[in-house]
Protein backbone atom coordinates (compact mmCIF):
# COMPACT_ATOMS: atom_id res chain seq x y z
CA MET A 1 -131.82 -148.18 202.44
CA GLN A 2 -132.45 -145.94 205.43
CA PHE A 3 -133.02 -142.26 204.64
CA ARG A 4 -131.20 -139.86 206.94
CA PHE A 5 -133.35 -136.83 207.64
CA GLY A 6 -131.90 -133.37 207.86
CA SER A 7 -132.62 -131.41 211.03
CA SER A 8 -135.67 -129.66 209.54
CA ALA A 9 -137.18 -132.89 208.24
CA ARG A 10 -136.56 -134.64 211.55
CA LEU A 11 -138.31 -131.78 213.29
CA MET A 12 -141.31 -132.26 211.01
CA VAL A 13 -141.42 -135.97 211.66
CA ALA A 14 -141.46 -135.45 215.40
CA THR A 15 -144.42 -133.13 215.14
CA VAL A 16 -146.43 -135.50 212.98
CA VAL A 17 -145.82 -138.33 215.40
CA ALA A 18 -146.81 -136.29 218.42
CA ALA A 19 -150.00 -135.15 216.75
CA SER A 20 -150.89 -138.64 215.58
CA PHE A 21 -150.69 -139.93 219.14
CA ALA A 22 -152.77 -137.06 220.49
CA CYS A 23 -155.46 -137.12 217.78
CA PRO A 24 -154.89 -139.81 215.12
CA LEU A 25 -155.91 -138.70 211.64
CA ALA A 26 -158.17 -135.96 212.97
CA TRP A 27 -158.68 -134.61 209.43
CA SER A 28 -160.54 -137.77 208.32
CA ASP A 29 -164.17 -138.66 208.94
CA THR A 30 -163.45 -142.39 208.62
CA PRO A 31 -162.21 -144.53 211.51
CA PRO A 32 -158.38 -144.68 211.46
CA SER A 33 -156.65 -147.97 210.76
CA PRO A 34 -154.05 -149.21 213.27
CA ASP A 35 -151.23 -148.22 210.92
CA PRO A 36 -152.59 -146.07 208.07
CA VAL A 37 -150.90 -145.72 204.69
CA VAL A 38 -149.97 -142.07 204.26
CA ALA A 39 -148.43 -142.32 200.76
CA LYS A 40 -147.35 -144.76 198.05
CA VAL A 41 -144.27 -144.68 195.82
CA ASN A 42 -144.33 -147.08 192.86
CA GLY A 43 -147.18 -148.79 194.64
CA GLN A 44 -145.12 -149.33 197.82
CA PRO A 45 -146.86 -147.88 200.90
CA ILE A 46 -145.43 -145.48 203.44
CA HIS A 47 -147.09 -146.18 206.77
CA LEU A 48 -147.52 -143.84 209.70
CA SER A 49 -145.46 -146.28 211.79
CA GLU A 50 -142.45 -145.53 209.57
CA VAL A 51 -142.82 -141.86 210.39
CA GLN A 52 -143.11 -142.74 214.08
CA GLU A 53 -139.98 -144.88 213.98
CA ALA A 54 -137.99 -142.15 212.25
CA ALA A 55 -139.01 -139.70 214.98
CA GLN A 56 -137.62 -141.71 217.89
CA GLY A 57 -135.20 -139.76 220.01
CA LEU A 58 -136.10 -136.32 218.66
CA PRO A 59 -136.50 -133.36 221.11
CA GLU A 60 -139.94 -132.84 222.60
CA ASN A 61 -140.12 -129.17 221.66
CA ALA A 62 -140.21 -130.23 217.97
CA GLN A 63 -143.43 -132.10 218.64
CA ARG A 64 -145.32 -128.91 219.52
CA LEU A 65 -145.31 -127.44 216.00
CA PRO A 66 -148.60 -127.41 214.01
CA GLN A 67 -149.46 -130.75 212.41
CA GLN A 68 -151.37 -129.26 209.50
CA THR A 69 -148.32 -127.30 208.40
CA LEU A 70 -145.70 -130.00 208.79
CA PHE A 71 -147.45 -133.19 207.71
CA PRO A 72 -147.33 -132.56 203.93
CA MET A 73 -143.72 -131.36 204.19
CA VAL A 74 -142.64 -134.50 206.05
CA LEU A 75 -144.50 -136.63 203.54
CA GLU A 76 -142.56 -135.01 200.71
CA GLN A 77 -139.28 -135.82 202.47
CA LEU A 78 -140.26 -139.46 202.84
CA ILE A 79 -141.37 -139.63 199.20
CA ASP A 80 -138.06 -138.08 198.13
CA SER A 81 -136.24 -140.77 200.11
CA ARG A 82 -138.18 -143.58 198.44
CA ALA A 83 -137.73 -142.03 195.01
CA LEU A 84 -133.96 -141.75 195.45
CA ALA A 85 -133.77 -145.36 196.65
CA ALA A 86 -135.82 -146.52 193.66
CA GLU A 87 -133.56 -144.65 191.24
CA ALA A 88 -130.46 -146.11 192.94
CA ARG A 89 -131.82 -149.63 192.45
CA ARG A 90 -132.81 -148.90 188.83
CA THR A 91 -129.26 -147.81 188.04
CA GLY A 92 -127.73 -150.80 189.83
CA LEU A 93 -126.20 -148.79 192.65
CA ASP A 94 -127.44 -151.38 195.13
CA LYS A 95 -125.01 -153.84 193.52
CA ASP A 96 -121.99 -151.62 194.21
CA PRO A 97 -119.66 -153.47 196.68
CA ALA A 98 -119.19 -150.39 198.86
CA VAL A 99 -122.95 -149.85 199.05
CA GLN A 100 -123.52 -153.53 199.82
CA GLU A 101 -121.07 -153.27 202.72
CA GLN A 102 -123.01 -150.31 204.09
CA LEU A 103 -126.30 -152.16 203.66
CA THR A 104 -124.92 -155.21 205.45
CA ALA A 105 -123.66 -153.06 208.32
CA ALA A 106 -127.03 -151.30 208.55
CA GLU A 107 -128.82 -154.66 208.50
CA ASP A 108 -126.59 -156.01 211.28
CA GLN A 109 -127.23 -152.92 213.37
CA ALA A 110 -130.98 -153.11 212.80
CA LEU A 111 -131.07 -156.82 213.67
CA GLY A 112 -128.97 -156.28 216.79
CA SER A 113 -131.25 -153.48 217.95
CA ALA A 114 -134.33 -155.59 217.22
CA MET A 115 -132.86 -158.49 219.20
CA LEU A 116 -132.21 -156.26 222.20
CA ARG A 117 -135.73 -154.85 222.04
CA LYS A 118 -137.13 -158.38 221.88
CA GLU A 119 -135.03 -159.70 224.76
CA VAL A 120 -134.84 -156.67 227.04
CA GLY A 121 -137.91 -154.58 226.29
CA PRO A 122 -140.59 -156.91 227.71
CA GLU A 123 -138.67 -157.20 230.98
CA ILE A 124 -138.57 -153.46 231.70
CA THR A 125 -142.17 -152.89 232.71
CA ASP A 126 -143.49 -150.34 235.21
CA ASP A 127 -144.26 -153.22 237.58
CA ALA A 128 -140.71 -154.55 237.26
CA VAL A 129 -139.22 -151.13 237.97
CA ARG A 130 -141.54 -150.70 240.96
CA ALA A 131 -140.53 -154.12 242.31
CA ARG A 132 -136.85 -153.22 241.94
CA TYR A 133 -137.47 -149.99 243.83
CA GLU A 134 -139.24 -151.82 246.67
CA LYS A 135 -136.40 -154.33 246.88
CA GLU A 136 -133.40 -152.00 246.69
CA ILE A 137 -134.52 -148.59 247.94
CA ALA A 138 -137.88 -148.39 249.70
CA GLY A 139 -137.74 -148.54 253.50
CA LYS A 140 -133.95 -148.64 253.63
CA PRO A 141 -131.75 -146.01 255.30
CA GLY A 142 -130.71 -143.22 252.99
CA GLU A 143 -127.11 -142.61 252.03
CA GLU A 144 -124.89 -140.82 254.54
CA GLU A 145 -124.10 -137.17 253.86
CA VAL A 146 -121.76 -134.65 255.42
CA HIS A 147 -121.99 -130.88 255.52
CA ALA A 148 -118.48 -129.52 254.99
CA ARG A 149 -116.51 -126.52 253.93
CA HIS A 150 -113.07 -126.35 252.40
CA ILE A 151 -110.21 -124.09 251.46
CA LEU A 152 -108.58 -124.86 248.11
CA VAL A 153 -105.02 -123.70 247.47
CA ALA A 154 -102.43 -124.37 244.78
CA ASP A 155 -99.67 -125.94 246.87
CA GLU A 156 -99.19 -128.15 249.90
CA ALA A 157 -97.12 -125.59 251.80
CA THR A 158 -99.98 -123.06 251.82
CA ALA A 159 -102.41 -125.76 252.94
CA LYS A 160 -100.11 -126.65 255.85
CA LYS A 161 -99.89 -122.96 256.75
CA ILE A 162 -103.71 -122.78 256.94
CA ILE A 163 -103.88 -125.93 259.08
CA ASP A 164 -101.29 -124.44 261.45
CA ALA A 165 -103.42 -121.29 261.73
CA LEU A 166 -106.51 -123.38 262.50
CA ASN A 167 -104.60 -125.30 265.16
CA LYS A 168 -103.89 -121.94 266.79
CA GLY A 169 -107.56 -121.01 266.83
CA GLY A 170 -107.84 -119.30 263.44
CA ASP A 171 -111.27 -118.67 261.94
CA PHE A 172 -112.04 -121.00 259.05
CA VAL A 173 -114.34 -118.53 257.29
CA ALA A 174 -111.79 -115.71 257.46
CA LEU A 175 -109.02 -118.01 256.21
CA SER A 176 -111.25 -119.18 253.37
CA LYS A 177 -111.88 -115.63 252.20
CA GLN A 178 -108.14 -114.95 252.39
CA TYR A 179 -106.78 -118.06 250.67
CA ASN A 180 -109.53 -120.01 248.91
CA LYS A 181 -108.95 -120.40 245.15
CA ASP A 182 -112.48 -121.79 244.71
CA PRO A 183 -114.22 -118.48 243.93
CA GLY A 184 -117.73 -119.83 244.38
CA ALA A 185 -117.02 -121.30 247.79
CA ALA A 186 -114.73 -118.51 249.01
CA GLN A 187 -117.54 -116.01 249.41
CA GLN A 188 -119.50 -118.58 251.42
CA GLY A 189 -116.61 -119.29 253.77
CA GLY A 190 -115.81 -122.41 251.75
CA ASP A 191 -119.25 -123.90 252.48
CA LEU A 192 -120.12 -126.83 250.19
CA GLY A 193 -123.42 -127.79 251.81
CA PHE A 194 -124.38 -131.42 252.28
CA PHE A 195 -122.97 -133.99 249.86
CA LYS A 196 -122.61 -137.75 249.44
CA LYS A 197 -119.36 -139.65 248.94
CA GLY A 198 -120.01 -140.12 245.25
CA ASP A 199 -120.44 -136.38 244.74
CA MET A 200 -116.79 -135.57 245.37
CA ALA A 201 -113.36 -136.69 244.19
CA PRO A 202 -112.41 -139.89 246.07
CA PRO A 203 -109.52 -138.41 248.14
CA PHE A 204 -111.70 -135.46 249.16
CA ALA A 205 -114.66 -137.69 250.04
CA ALA A 206 -112.50 -140.11 252.03
CA ALA A 207 -111.04 -137.29 254.13
CA ALA A 208 -114.38 -135.54 254.68
CA PHE A 209 -116.26 -138.68 255.72
CA ALA A 210 -113.50 -139.57 258.19
CA LEU A 211 -114.15 -136.37 260.16
CA GLN A 212 -116.71 -135.68 262.87
CA PRO A 213 -118.62 -132.39 263.16
CA GLY A 214 -116.29 -129.58 264.23
CA GLN A 215 -113.14 -131.40 263.11
CA PHE A 216 -110.86 -130.30 260.27
CA SER A 217 -108.28 -132.23 258.27
CA LYS A 218 -104.91 -132.28 260.00
CA THR A 219 -103.01 -132.92 256.78
CA PRO A 220 -103.62 -131.37 253.35
CA VAL A 221 -105.86 -133.35 251.01
CA HIS A 222 -104.67 -133.56 247.41
CA THR A 223 -107.03 -133.88 244.42
CA GLN A 224 -106.78 -133.02 240.74
CA PHE A 225 -107.99 -129.52 241.64
CA GLY A 226 -105.23 -128.71 244.12
CA TRP A 227 -104.73 -128.96 247.90
CA HIS A 228 -107.66 -128.81 250.31
CA VAL A 229 -108.23 -128.14 253.97
CA ILE A 230 -111.59 -129.57 254.98
CA GLN A 231 -113.83 -128.93 257.97
CA VAL A 232 -116.98 -130.97 258.65
CA LEU A 233 -119.93 -129.12 260.16
CA ALA A 234 -122.57 -131.88 260.39
CA ARG A 235 -123.44 -135.44 259.39
CA ARG A 236 -126.78 -137.00 258.52
CA ARG A 237 -128.51 -139.77 256.62
CA ALA A 238 -130.54 -138.54 253.68
CA GLU A 239 -134.07 -139.77 253.15
CA PRO A 240 -134.27 -142.47 250.47
CA PRO A 241 -135.54 -141.10 247.15
CA SER A 242 -139.19 -141.55 246.27
CA TYR A 243 -140.22 -143.90 243.48
CA GLU A 244 -140.82 -140.92 241.22
CA GLN A 245 -137.31 -139.63 241.91
CA ALA A 246 -135.60 -143.00 241.47
CA SER A 247 -137.62 -144.69 238.72
CA ALA A 248 -135.84 -143.17 235.70
CA GLU A 249 -132.38 -144.12 236.98
CA LEU A 250 -133.58 -147.58 238.01
CA ARG A 251 -135.09 -148.14 234.58
CA GLN A 252 -131.83 -147.20 232.88
CA LYS A 253 -129.91 -149.49 235.22
CA MET A 254 -132.24 -152.39 234.40
CA ILE A 255 -131.87 -151.72 230.68
CA ARG A 256 -128.07 -151.75 230.97
CA GLU A 257 -128.17 -155.01 232.89
CA GLY A 258 -130.55 -156.54 230.35
CA VAL A 259 -128.34 -155.48 227.44
CA GLN A 260 -125.24 -156.89 229.13
CA LYS A 261 -126.99 -160.20 229.74
CA ALA A 262 -128.32 -160.41 226.18
CA VAL A 263 -124.91 -159.59 224.69
CA ALA A 264 -123.17 -162.16 226.90
CA GLN A 265 -125.68 -164.83 225.85
CA ALA A 266 -125.27 -163.93 222.18
CA ARG A 267 -121.48 -164.07 222.38
CA ALA A 268 -121.62 -167.42 224.14
CA GLY A 269 -123.39 -168.82 221.08
CA VAL A 270 -120.82 -167.74 218.48
CA GLN A 271 -117.16 -168.38 217.79
CA VAL A 272 -115.09 -165.22 218.09
CA GLU A 273 -111.58 -164.73 216.71
CA THR A 274 -109.72 -161.43 216.91
CA PHE A 275 -106.58 -160.30 215.12
CA ASN A 276 -104.00 -157.57 215.40
CA PRO A 277 -104.30 -154.45 213.18
CA ASP A 278 -101.87 -156.04 210.70
CA GLY A 279 -104.02 -159.17 210.48
CA SER A 280 -101.70 -161.39 212.46
CA PRO A 281 -103.19 -163.71 215.11
CA ARG A 282 -103.52 -162.34 218.63
CA ARG A 283 -102.18 -164.26 221.58
CA ALA A 284 -104.77 -166.13 223.62
CA THR A 285 -104.15 -163.83 226.59
CA ASP A 286 -104.94 -160.81 224.41
CA GLN A 287 -108.29 -162.09 223.17
CA ALA A 288 -111.16 -159.81 224.10
CA GLU A 289 -113.51 -161.15 226.73
CA PRO A 290 -117.25 -160.47 226.59
CA PRO A 291 -118.71 -158.27 229.32
CA PRO A 292 -119.84 -160.25 232.37
CA ALA A 293 -123.55 -160.97 232.68
CA LYS A 294 -125.18 -159.49 235.78
């Protein structure tokens, strides 16, 4: 049975783990063991590694609280958890069908997570991430960017009116201050600075990247925000990100790819049948397909 910590207990656990990494068992004069026993309940040990595992994913600011204050409190929480589990077993609660279903689901989840760590974890090393960076990013031209400004209005007719004024020599900045419904951009003459295609809504990006410096859109551009008139001021290619800037995103991408591959391989080794909500068979064309391996 997995004990679910409350927020205060989880905070304590995080602090103990952080301190143990920084100065393992500093209160003892004896050399620390690789995974010391920090308590026993009915003779069953509670290891420091269990505390560390429970602390995964907790906020870093929790780890800065004093170890000497929080360690005994966390230990009491873990002992309470073991005591409750022992009492549940003594009273036969572990034989309850509903509890057994929950235990089975928890076991499946734990095994699935362990399998992913086993298959994916060893592949995502610092060297592997660095090699991916050198292959995909380093030394290659950066992504194209445009520097543009826009005027956002609520209807197409107003946008056409602004375009007509620009065609007659109207000042874009003055028109932006008069009509722009984007309050942040209006005071800057509609200036959006430099941006990449992926930073904007697709229709807006397509129109902006089709323009050359000094040009403005001759027809209104519609997005979910309203109607836009766009003027491009400059174009450039951004410098590729450094390894330090790109490594975190690359690592996450490699993890996603590894998980997809592991899941696809696992599904290829089992027989899957799916049914409708009423239990009736689904048509072959409706059967769920596993995600493609990359």
